[in-house]
Amino acid sequence: MSAFLGHIHYWLYRKIQLLVERENLILEKTSKVVDDLAEELHSISVDTYGEPINPSIPLENIIDHGNIHGWLEHTAPAIYNALQNFYVNGMPCDGGDQVVSESPDEFTWVGDHRLQAGYWRTAGVDPKFMALAYQTWFEAFVKAIDPAFELVTTEENGIRLYTIKKK
């Protein structure tokens, strides 16, 4: 599991464990009040959604260590969307990123960091340094999500383009 994102997996798994424990507690308490109806409703839920996980099993015993992100579409747009869950770049209406092209194997956007640049200057940090720091972080993030993809940065007419593409 990625050392960079591993804590997120444990955080989410703990939330799932708490939900299962809560469902079990509700079943236990309602069984005392409505008897067989609680079991019947629980059976319908299991038939519909499947058996809940056993919350006592450690996460590392559940996941496939060779494919911990099997739930991801493993497409360039899916990786970009995952990146956006961690990269603070304003609201969608702010127009921080502009998508240039998109396909399953390649996703390109303009990344000028214009929304953050003023804050960086106010803090006394060189925007060129911060752009390089973000580029380095983007590269590591893409590699951690799916090593079959890479981030390539280019510049056209002074405009920085980021491309997530299949190797």
N, C-alpha and C. Protein backbone atom coordinates (compact mmCIF):
# COMPACT_ATOMS: atom_id res chain seq x y z
N MET A 1 0.85 -1.17 0.00
CA MET A 1 0.00 0.00 0.00
C MET A 1 0.89 1.23 0.00
N SER A 2 0.51 2.23 -0.72
CA SER A 2 1.29 3.44 -0.84
C SER A 2 1.48 4.12 0.51
N ALA A 3 2.72 4.43 0.84
CA ALA A 3 2.98 5.16 2.08
C ALA A 3 2.38 6.55 2.02
N PHE A 4 2.26 7.07 0.81
CA PHE A 4 1.72 8.41 0.60
C PHE A 4 0.21 8.46 0.86
N LEU A 5 -0.52 7.44 0.43
CA LEU A 5 -1.98 7.44 0.56
C LEU A 5 -2.51 6.39 1.52
N GLY A 6 -1.63 5.62 2.12
CA GLY A 6 -2.06 4.52 2.98
C GLY A 6 -2.98 4.94 4.11
N HIS A 7 -2.68 6.07 4.74
CA HIS A 7 -3.51 6.51 5.87
C HIS A 7 -4.95 6.77 5.45
N ILE A 8 -5.16 7.17 4.21
CA ILE A 8 -6.52 7.43 3.72
C ILE A 8 -7.31 6.13 3.66
N HIS A 9 -6.65 5.05 3.25
CA HIS A 9 -7.32 3.76 3.18
C HIS A 9 -7.75 3.30 4.58
N TYR A 10 -6.86 3.49 5.55
CA TYR A 10 -7.19 3.10 6.92
C TYR A 10 -8.31 3.97 7.49
N TRP A 11 -8.28 5.24 7.18
CA TRP A 11 -9.32 6.16 7.64
C TRP A 11 -10.69 5.74 7.09
N LEU A 12 -10.75 5.47 5.80
CA LEU A 12 -12.00 5.05 5.19
C LEU A 12 -12.45 3.69 5.73
N TYR A 13 -11.51 2.77 5.90
CA TYR A 13 -11.86 1.45 6.42
C TYR A 13 -12.42 1.56 7.83
N ARG A 14 -11.85 2.45 8.64
CA ARG A 14 -12.38 2.63 10.00
C ARG A 14 -13.82 3.14 9.95
N LYS A 15 -14.13 4.00 9.01
CA LYS A 15 -15.51 4.49 8.85
C LYS A 15 -16.44 3.33 8.49
N ILE A 16 -15.97 2.44 7.62
CA ILE A 16 -16.77 1.28 7.23
C ILE A 16 -16.98 0.37 8.44
N GLN A 17 -15.91 0.14 9.21
CA GLN A 17 -16.04 -0.69 10.41
C GLN A 17 -17.07 -0.12 11.38
N LEU A 18 -17.05 1.19 11.56
CA LEU A 18 -18.01 1.83 12.47
C LEU A 18 -19.45 1.67 11.97
N LEU A 19 -19.64 1.76 10.67
CA LEU A 19 -20.98 1.56 10.09
C LEU A 19 -21.48 0.15 10.34
N VAL A 20 -20.62 -0.83 10.14
CA VAL A 20 -21.01 -2.23 10.37
C VAL A 20 -21.34 -2.44 11.85
N GLU A 21 -20.50 -1.90 12.72
CA GLU A 21 -20.76 -2.03 14.16
C GLU A 21 -22.09 -1.37 14.53
N ARG A 22 -22.38 -0.22 13.93
CA ARG A 22 -23.64 0.48 14.20
C ARG A 22 -24.83 -0.36 13.71
N GLU A 23 -24.70 -0.93 12.51
CA GLU A 23 -25.78 -1.79 11.98
C GLU A 23 -26.03 -2.99 12.90
N ASN A 24 -24.95 -3.59 13.40
CA ASN A 24 -25.10 -4.73 14.31
C ASN A 24 -25.77 -4.32 15.62
N LEU A 25 -25.43 -3.15 16.12
CA LEU A 25 -26.05 -2.65 17.35
C LEU A 25 -27.54 -2.37 17.12
N ILE A 26 -27.87 -1.77 15.99
CA ILE A 26 -29.28 -1.51 15.67
C ILE A 26 -30.05 -2.82 15.57
N LEU A 27 -29.46 -3.82 14.93
CA LEU A 27 -30.11 -5.12 14.82
C LEU A 27 -30.34 -5.72 16.20
N GLU A 28 -29.33 -5.65 17.04
CA GLU A 28 -29.44 -6.21 18.39
C GLU A 28 -30.55 -5.50 19.18
N LYS A 29 -30.57 -4.19 19.16
CA LYS A 29 -31.55 -3.43 19.95
C LYS A 29 -32.97 -3.58 19.39
N THR A 30 -33.11 -3.55 18.07
CA THR A 30 -34.46 -3.68 17.49
C THR A 30 -35.01 -5.09 17.64
N SER A 31 -34.13 -6.09 17.68
CA SER A 31 -34.58 -7.47 17.88
C SER A 31 -35.29 -7.61 19.22
N LYS A 32 -34.87 -6.86 20.21
CA LYS A 32 -35.49 -6.91 21.53
C LYS A 32 -36.88 -6.27 21.53
N VAL A 33 -37.11 -5.38 20.55
CA VAL A 33 -38.37 -4.65 20.52
C VAL A 33 -39.37 -5.27 19.54
N VAL A 34 -38.89 -5.65 18.35
CA VAL A 34 -39.81 -6.14 17.31
C VAL A 34 -39.56 -7.60 16.93
N ASP A 35 -38.74 -8.29 17.66
CA ASP A 35 -38.47 -9.72 17.47
C ASP A 35 -38.07 -10.07 16.05
N ASP A 36 -38.87 -10.93 15.42
CA ASP A 36 -38.54 -11.49 14.11
C ASP A 36 -38.51 -10.45 12.99
N LEU A 37 -39.23 -9.35 13.15
CA LEU A 37 -39.26 -8.32 12.10
C LEU A 37 -37.86 -7.75 11.86
N ALA A 38 -37.09 -7.56 12.92
CA ALA A 38 -35.73 -7.04 12.77
C ALA A 38 -34.87 -8.01 11.96
N GLU A 39 -34.96 -9.30 12.26
CA GLU A 39 -34.20 -10.31 11.50
C GLU A 39 -34.64 -10.36 10.04
N GLU A 40 -35.94 -10.23 9.82
CA GLU A 40 -36.47 -10.25 8.45
C GLU A 40 -35.93 -9.06 7.65
N LEU A 41 -35.96 -7.88 8.25
CA LEU A 41 -35.44 -6.68 7.58
C LEU A 41 -33.94 -6.79 7.34
N HIS A 42 -33.23 -7.36 8.30
CA HIS A 42 -31.79 -7.57 8.13
C HIS A 42 -31.53 -8.53 6.97
N SER A 43 -32.31 -9.61 6.88
CA SER A 43 -32.15 -10.58 5.79
C SER A 43 -32.42 -9.94 4.43
N ILE A 44 -33.43 -9.08 4.37
CA ILE A 44 -33.73 -8.37 3.12
C ILE A 44 -32.55 -7.48 2.73
N SER A 45 -31.98 -6.79 3.72
CA SER A 45 -30.83 -5.93 3.47
C SER A 45 -29.64 -6.73 2.95
N VAL A 46 -29.36 -7.87 3.58
CA VAL A 46 -28.24 -8.72 3.14
C VAL A 46 -28.49 -9.26 1.74
N ASP A 47 -29.73 -9.68 1.46
CA ASP A 47 -30.07 -10.17 0.12
C ASP A 47 -29.89 -9.08 -0.93
N THR A 48 -30.21 -7.86 -0.57
CA THR A 48 -30.14 -6.75 -1.51
C THR A 48 -28.72 -6.24 -1.70
N TYR A 49 -27.99 -6.05 -0.60
CA TYR A 49 -26.69 -5.38 -0.66
C TYR A 49 -25.49 -6.29 -0.40
N GLY A 50 -25.75 -7.51 0.03
CA GLY A 50 -24.66 -8.42 0.34
C GLY A 50 -24.30 -8.40 1.81
N GLU A 51 -23.55 -9.39 2.21
CA GLU A 51 -23.14 -9.54 3.61
C GLU A 51 -22.13 -8.45 3.95
N PRO A 52 -22.30 -7.77 5.09
CA PRO A 52 -21.31 -6.75 5.47
C PRO A 52 -19.97 -7.41 5.81
N ILE A 53 -18.93 -6.60 5.75
CA ILE A 53 -17.61 -7.12 6.11
C ILE A 53 -17.57 -7.46 7.58
N ASN A 54 -16.63 -8.30 7.94
CA ASN A 54 -16.39 -8.58 9.35
C ASN A 54 -15.47 -7.48 9.86
N PRO A 55 -15.97 -6.58 10.73
CA PRO A 55 -15.16 -5.43 11.15
C PRO A 55 -13.92 -5.79 11.97
N SER A 56 -13.81 -7.04 12.40
CA SER A 56 -12.63 -7.41 13.19
C SER A 56 -11.45 -7.81 12.31
N ILE A 57 -11.67 -7.96 11.00
CA ILE A 57 -10.58 -8.33 10.09
C ILE A 57 -9.76 -7.09 9.76
N PRO A 58 -8.44 -7.11 9.97
CA PRO A 58 -7.59 -5.96 9.63
C PRO A 58 -7.61 -5.67 8.13
N LEU A 59 -7.53 -4.41 7.78
CA LEU A 59 -7.55 -4.00 6.38
C LEU A 59 -6.49 -4.71 5.56
N GLU A 60 -5.29 -4.85 6.11
CA GLU A 60 -4.21 -5.47 5.33
C GLU A 60 -4.49 -6.93 4.98
N ASN A 61 -5.46 -7.56 5.67
CA ASN A 61 -5.85 -8.94 5.34
C ASN A 61 -6.97 -8.99 4.31
N ILE A 62 -7.54 -7.85 3.99
CA ILE A 62 -8.66 -7.80 3.06
C ILE A 62 -8.24 -7.38 1.66
N ILE A 63 -7.33 -6.39 1.59
CA ILE A 63 -7.00 -5.81 0.29
C ILE A 63 -6.06 -6.71 -0.51
N ASP A 64 -6.14 -6.55 -1.81
CA ASP A 64 -5.21 -7.21 -2.72
C ASP A 64 -4.02 -6.26 -2.86
N HIS A 65 -2.90 -6.58 -2.24
CA HIS A 65 -1.75 -5.68 -2.22
C HIS A 65 -1.19 -5.41 -3.61
N GLY A 66 -1.47 -6.26 -4.56
CA GLY A 66 -1.01 -6.05 -5.92
C GLY A 66 -1.93 -5.14 -6.72
N ASN A 67 -3.13 -4.85 -6.19
CA ASN A 67 -4.09 -4.05 -6.94
C ASN A 67 -5.02 -3.32 -5.97
N ILE A 68 -4.44 -2.46 -5.12
CA ILE A 68 -5.27 -1.80 -4.10
C ILE A 68 -6.23 -0.78 -4.70
N HIS A 69 -5.99 -0.37 -5.93
CA HIS A 69 -6.89 0.59 -6.56
C HIS A 69 -7.70 -0.06 -7.68
N GLY A 70 -8.05 -1.32 -7.51
CA GLY A 70 -8.84 -2.02 -8.51
C GLY A 70 -10.20 -1.39 -8.73
N TRP A 71 -10.67 -0.65 -7.73
CA TRP A 71 -11.96 0.03 -7.85
C TRP A 71 -11.89 1.22 -8.78
N LEU A 72 -10.70 1.75 -9.02
CA LEU A 72 -10.57 2.89 -9.93
C LEU A 72 -10.75 2.44 -11.37
N GLU A 73 -11.25 3.31 -12.20
CA GLU A 73 -11.39 3.01 -13.63
C GLU A 73 -10.01 2.83 -14.27
N HIS A 74 -8.98 3.35 -13.62
CA HIS A 74 -7.61 3.35 -14.17
C HIS A 74 -7.56 4.00 -15.54
N THR A 75 -8.28 5.11 -15.72
CA THR A 75 -8.18 5.93 -16.93
C THR A 75 -7.55 7.25 -16.54
N ALA A 76 -7.03 7.95 -17.54
CA ALA A 76 -6.41 9.25 -17.26
C ALA A 76 -7.41 10.22 -16.63
N PRO A 77 -8.67 10.34 -17.13
CA PRO A 77 -9.63 11.24 -16.47
C PRO A 77 -9.94 10.84 -15.03
N ALA A 78 -9.98 9.54 -14.73
CA ALA A 78 -10.24 9.09 -13.36
C ALA A 78 -9.08 9.48 -12.44
N ILE A 79 -7.87 9.41 -12.95
CA ILE A 79 -6.71 9.81 -12.15
C ILE A 79 -6.75 11.32 -11.90
N TYR A 80 -7.10 12.09 -12.93
CA TYR A 80 -7.23 13.55 -12.76
C TYR A 80 -8.29 13.86 -11.70
N ASN A 81 -9.43 13.18 -11.76
CA ASN A 81 -10.49 13.42 -10.78
C ASN A 81 -10.02 13.07 -9.37
N ALA A 82 -9.26 11.98 -9.22
CA ALA A 82 -8.72 11.62 -7.91
C ALA A 82 -7.75 12.70 -7.43
N LEU A 83 -6.94 13.21 -8.33
CA LEU A 83 -6.00 14.29 -8.00
C LEU A 83 -6.75 15.51 -7.48
N GLN A 84 -7.87 15.83 -8.11
CA GLN A 84 -8.65 17.00 -7.72
C GLN A 84 -9.25 16.87 -6.32
N ASN A 85 -9.37 15.65 -5.82
CA ASN A 85 -9.86 15.45 -4.46
C ASN A 85 -8.86 15.92 -3.41
N PHE A 86 -7.59 16.11 -3.81
CA PHE A 86 -6.54 16.50 -2.87
C PHE A 86 -5.90 17.83 -3.18
N TYR A 87 -6.07 18.31 -4.39
CA TYR A 87 -5.44 19.54 -4.85
C TYR A 87 -6.43 20.69 -4.69
N VAL A 88 -6.10 21.65 -3.87
CA VAL A 88 -6.98 22.80 -3.65
C VAL A 88 -6.70 23.83 -4.74
N ASN A 89 -7.66 23.99 -5.63
CA ASN A 89 -7.49 24.90 -6.75
C ASN A 89 -8.76 25.72 -6.96
N GLY A 90 -9.42 26.09 -5.87
CA GLY A 90 -10.61 26.91 -5.99
C GLY A 90 -11.84 26.08 -6.31
N MET A 91 -12.92 26.78 -6.52
CA MET A 91 -14.19 26.16 -6.88
C MET A 91 -14.22 25.94 -8.38
N PRO A 92 -15.04 24.99 -8.86
CA PRO A 92 -15.11 24.77 -10.31
C PRO A 92 -15.43 26.05 -11.09
N CYS A 93 -16.26 26.93 -10.50
CA CYS A 93 -16.62 28.16 -11.19
C CYS A 93 -15.45 29.15 -11.27
N ASP A 94 -14.39 28.93 -10.48
CA ASP A 94 -13.23 29.82 -10.50
C ASP A 94 -12.38 29.63 -11.75
N GLY A 95 -12.55 28.51 -12.42
CA GLY A 95 -11.80 28.26 -13.65
C GLY A 95 -10.32 28.05 -13.42
N GLY A 96 -9.95 27.44 -12.31
CA GLY A 96 -8.54 27.22 -12.00
C GLY A 96 -7.84 26.34 -13.02
N ASP A 97 -8.46 25.26 -13.42
CA ASP A 97 -7.91 24.37 -14.45
C ASP A 97 -8.82 24.44 -15.66
N GLN A 98 -8.20 24.43 -16.83
CA GLN A 98 -8.99 24.35 -18.07
C GLN A 98 -8.57 23.09 -18.81
N VAL A 99 -9.54 22.21 -19.02
CA VAL A 99 -9.27 20.95 -19.71
C VAL A 99 -9.03 21.24 -21.18
N VAL A 100 -7.95 20.68 -21.72
CA VAL A 100 -7.58 20.87 -23.12
C VAL A 100 -8.02 19.68 -23.96
N SER A 101 -7.74 18.47 -23.47
CA SER A 101 -8.15 17.27 -24.19
C SER A 101 -8.32 16.13 -23.20
N GLU A 102 -9.13 15.16 -23.61
CA GLU A 102 -9.47 14.07 -22.69
C GLU A 102 -9.78 12.80 -23.48
N SER A 103 -9.13 11.72 -23.08
CA SER A 103 -9.42 10.39 -23.61
C SER A 103 -9.08 9.40 -22.50
N PRO A 104 -9.46 8.14 -22.63
CA PRO A 104 -9.13 7.18 -21.57
C PRO A 104 -7.63 7.07 -21.27
N ASP A 105 -6.79 7.28 -22.29
CA ASP A 105 -5.35 7.11 -22.12
C ASP A 105 -4.58 8.42 -21.91
N GLU A 106 -5.27 9.56 -22.06
CA GLU A 106 -4.56 10.83 -21.94
C GLU A 106 -5.51 11.94 -21.52
N PHE A 107 -5.07 12.76 -20.57
CA PHE A 107 -5.87 13.88 -20.08
C PHE A 107 -4.95 15.08 -19.93
N THR A 108 -5.27 16.18 -20.62
CA THR A 108 -4.42 17.37 -20.60
C THR A 108 -5.22 18.56 -20.10
N TRP A 109 -4.58 19.35 -19.22
CA TRP A 109 -5.23 20.57 -18.74
C TRP A 109 -4.19 21.67 -18.59
N VAL A 110 -4.68 22.92 -18.65
CA VAL A 110 -3.84 24.09 -18.39
C VAL A 110 -3.76 24.24 -16.89
N GLY A 111 -2.56 24.33 -16.38
CA GLY A 111 -2.36 24.49 -14.94
C GLY A 111 -1.50 25.70 -14.66
N ASP A 112 -2.13 26.85 -14.58
CA ASP A 112 -1.34 28.07 -14.39
C ASP A 112 -1.25 28.51 -12.93
N HIS A 113 -1.97 27.88 -12.04
CA HIS A 113 -1.93 28.18 -10.60
C HIS A 113 -2.23 29.66 -10.31
N ARG A 114 -2.95 30.31 -11.23
CA ARG A 114 -3.18 31.75 -11.06
C ARG A 114 -3.98 32.08 -9.81
N LEU A 115 -4.81 31.14 -9.37
CA LEU A 115 -5.60 31.41 -8.15
C LEU A 115 -4.73 31.45 -6.91
N GLN A 116 -3.65 30.67 -6.90
CA GLN A 116 -2.78 30.60 -5.73
C GLN A 116 -1.61 31.58 -5.79
N ALA A 117 -1.22 31.99 -6.99
CA ALA A 117 0.02 32.77 -7.16
C ALA A 117 0.05 34.03 -6.29
N GLY A 118 -1.06 34.74 -6.18
CA GLY A 118 -1.10 35.94 -5.35
C GLY A 118 -0.84 35.65 -3.89
N TYR A 119 -1.39 34.54 -3.41
CA TYR A 119 -1.17 34.15 -2.02
C TYR A 119 0.30 33.77 -1.80
N TRP A 120 0.87 33.10 -2.78
CA TRP A 120 2.28 32.73 -2.66
C TRP A 120 3.16 33.98 -2.58
N ARG A 121 2.87 34.96 -3.45
CA ARG A 121 3.66 36.20 -3.43
C ARG A 121 3.52 36.91 -2.08
N THR A 122 2.27 36.97 -1.58
CA THR A 122 2.03 37.61 -0.28
C THR A 122 2.83 36.93 0.83
N ALA A 123 2.96 35.62 0.73
CA ALA A 123 3.71 34.86 1.73
C ALA A 123 5.22 34.92 1.48
N GLY A 124 5.62 35.58 0.39
CA GLY A 124 7.04 35.70 0.08
C GLY A 124 7.64 34.47 -0.58
N VAL A 125 6.79 33.67 -1.22
CA VAL A 125 7.26 32.45 -1.88
C VAL A 125 7.21 32.67 -3.39
N ASP A 126 8.27 32.29 -4.06
CA ASP A 126 8.36 32.43 -5.52
C ASP A 126 7.35 31.51 -6.20
N PRO A 127 6.41 32.06 -7.00
CA PRO A 127 5.43 31.22 -7.69
C PRO A 127 6.05 30.16 -8.60
N LYS A 128 7.23 30.43 -9.15
CA LYS A 128 7.89 29.42 -9.99
C LYS A 128 8.29 28.21 -9.15
N PHE A 129 8.78 28.48 -7.93
CA PHE A 129 9.13 27.39 -7.03
C PHE A 129 7.88 26.57 -6.68
N MET A 130 6.78 27.25 -6.36
CA MET A 130 5.56 26.54 -5.98
C MET A 130 5.01 25.73 -7.16
N ALA A 131 5.08 26.29 -8.37
CA ALA A 131 4.62 25.55 -9.54
C ALA A 131 5.44 24.27 -9.71
N LEU A 132 6.74 24.36 -9.48
CA LEU A 132 7.60 23.18 -9.55
C LEU A 132 7.26 22.19 -8.44
N ALA A 133 6.97 22.70 -7.25
CA ALA A 133 6.58 21.82 -6.13
C ALA A 133 5.29 21.08 -6.46
N TYR A 134 4.32 21.79 -7.01
CA TYR A 134 3.07 21.13 -7.39
C TYR A 134 3.30 20.11 -8.50
N GLN A 135 4.13 20.47 -9.47
CA GLN A 135 4.43 19.53 -10.55
C GLN A 135 5.03 18.25 -10.00
N THR A 136 5.96 18.38 -9.07
CA THR A 136 6.60 17.22 -8.45
C THR A 136 5.57 16.38 -7.69
N TRP A 137 4.69 17.05 -6.97
CA TRP A 137 3.64 16.35 -6.23
C TRP A 137 2.68 15.65 -7.18
N PHE A 138 2.26 16.34 -8.27
CA PHE A 138 1.38 15.72 -9.27
C PHE A 138 2.02 14.45 -9.82
N GLU A 139 3.31 14.53 -10.17
CA GLU A 139 4.02 13.37 -10.73
C GLU A 139 3.98 12.19 -9.77
N ALA A 140 4.27 12.45 -8.49
CA ALA A 140 4.27 11.38 -7.49
C ALA A 140 2.87 10.83 -7.28
N PHE A 141 1.86 11.69 -7.29
CA PHE A 141 0.48 11.26 -7.09
C PHE A 141 0.04 10.32 -8.22
N VAL A 142 0.30 10.72 -9.45
CA VAL A 142 -0.08 9.90 -10.61
C VAL A 142 0.62 8.55 -10.54
N LYS A 143 1.90 8.56 -10.24
CA LYS A 143 2.66 7.31 -10.14
C LYS A 143 2.11 6.40 -9.04
N ALA A 144 1.70 7.01 -7.90
CA ALA A 144 1.17 6.22 -6.78
C ALA A 144 -0.19 5.64 -7.10
N ILE A 145 -1.01 6.38 -7.83
CA ILE A 145 -2.35 5.90 -8.18
C ILE A 145 -2.26 4.74 -9.17
N ASP A 146 -1.45 4.92 -10.22
CA ASP A 146 -1.32 3.86 -11.22
C ASP A 146 0.01 4.01 -11.94
N PRO A 147 0.97 3.13 -11.65
CA PRO A 147 2.29 3.23 -12.28
C PRO A 147 2.27 3.07 -13.81
N ALA A 148 1.15 2.65 -14.38
CA ALA A 148 1.05 2.55 -15.84
C ALA A 148 0.87 3.92 -16.49
N PHE A 149 0.63 4.94 -15.66
CA PHE A 149 0.46 6.31 -16.15
C PHE A 149 1.59 7.19 -15.65
N GLU A 150 1.80 8.30 -16.35
CA GLU A 150 2.79 9.28 -15.94
C GLU A 150 2.24 10.68 -16.17
N LEU A 151 2.83 11.65 -15.49
CA LEU A 151 2.49 13.04 -15.70
C LEU A 151 3.61 13.68 -16.51
N VAL A 152 3.24 14.34 -17.59
CA VAL A 152 4.20 15.04 -18.43
C VAL A 152 3.81 16.51 -18.44
N THR A 153 4.78 17.39 -18.19
CA THR A 153 4.54 18.83 -18.18
C THR A 153 5.24 19.45 -19.37
N THR A 154 4.49 20.28 -20.10
CA THR A 154 5.05 21.00 -21.25
C THR A 154 4.62 22.46 -21.15
N GLU A 155 5.27 23.30 -21.95
CA GLU A 155 4.88 24.70 -22.02
C GLU A 155 4.71 25.09 -23.47
N GLU A 156 3.58 25.75 -23.74
CA GLU A 156 3.31 26.26 -25.09
C GLU A 156 2.94 27.73 -24.96
N ASN A 157 3.75 28.59 -25.58
CA ASN A 157 3.49 30.03 -25.54
C ASN A 157 3.34 30.54 -24.11
N GLY A 158 4.18 30.06 -23.21
CA GLY A 158 4.15 30.50 -21.83
C GLY A 158 3.04 29.89 -20.99
N ILE A 159 2.29 28.96 -21.56
CA ILE A 159 1.19 28.31 -20.83
C ILE A 159 1.64 26.91 -20.45
N ARG A 160 1.53 26.60 -19.15
CA ARG A 160 1.92 25.28 -18.65
C ARG A 160 0.79 24.28 -18.88
N LEU A 161 1.14 23.17 -19.53
CA LEU A 161 0.18 22.09 -19.77
C LEU A 161 0.62 20.86 -18.99
N TYR A 162 -0.33 20.28 -18.27
CA TYR A 162 -0.11 19.01 -17.58
C TYR A 162 -0.85 17.93 -18.34
N THR A 163 -0.18 16.81 -18.55
CA THR A 163 -0.82 15.69 -19.24
C THR A 163 -0.59 14.41 -18.44
N ILE A 164 -1.68 13.77 -18.10
CA ILE A 164 -1.62 12.42 -17.52
C ILE A 164 -1.79 11.49 -18.70
N LYS A 165 -0.79 10.62 -18.92
CA LYS A 165 -0.90 9.72 -20.07
C LYS A 165 -0.38 8.34 -19.74
N LYS A 166 -0.93 7.39 -20.47
CA LYS A 166 -0.47 6.00 -20.32
C LYS A 166 0.94 5.90 -20.88
N LYS A 167 1.81 5.18 -20.16
CA LYS A 167 3.20 5.00 -20.59
C LYS A 167 3.27 4.14 -21.82
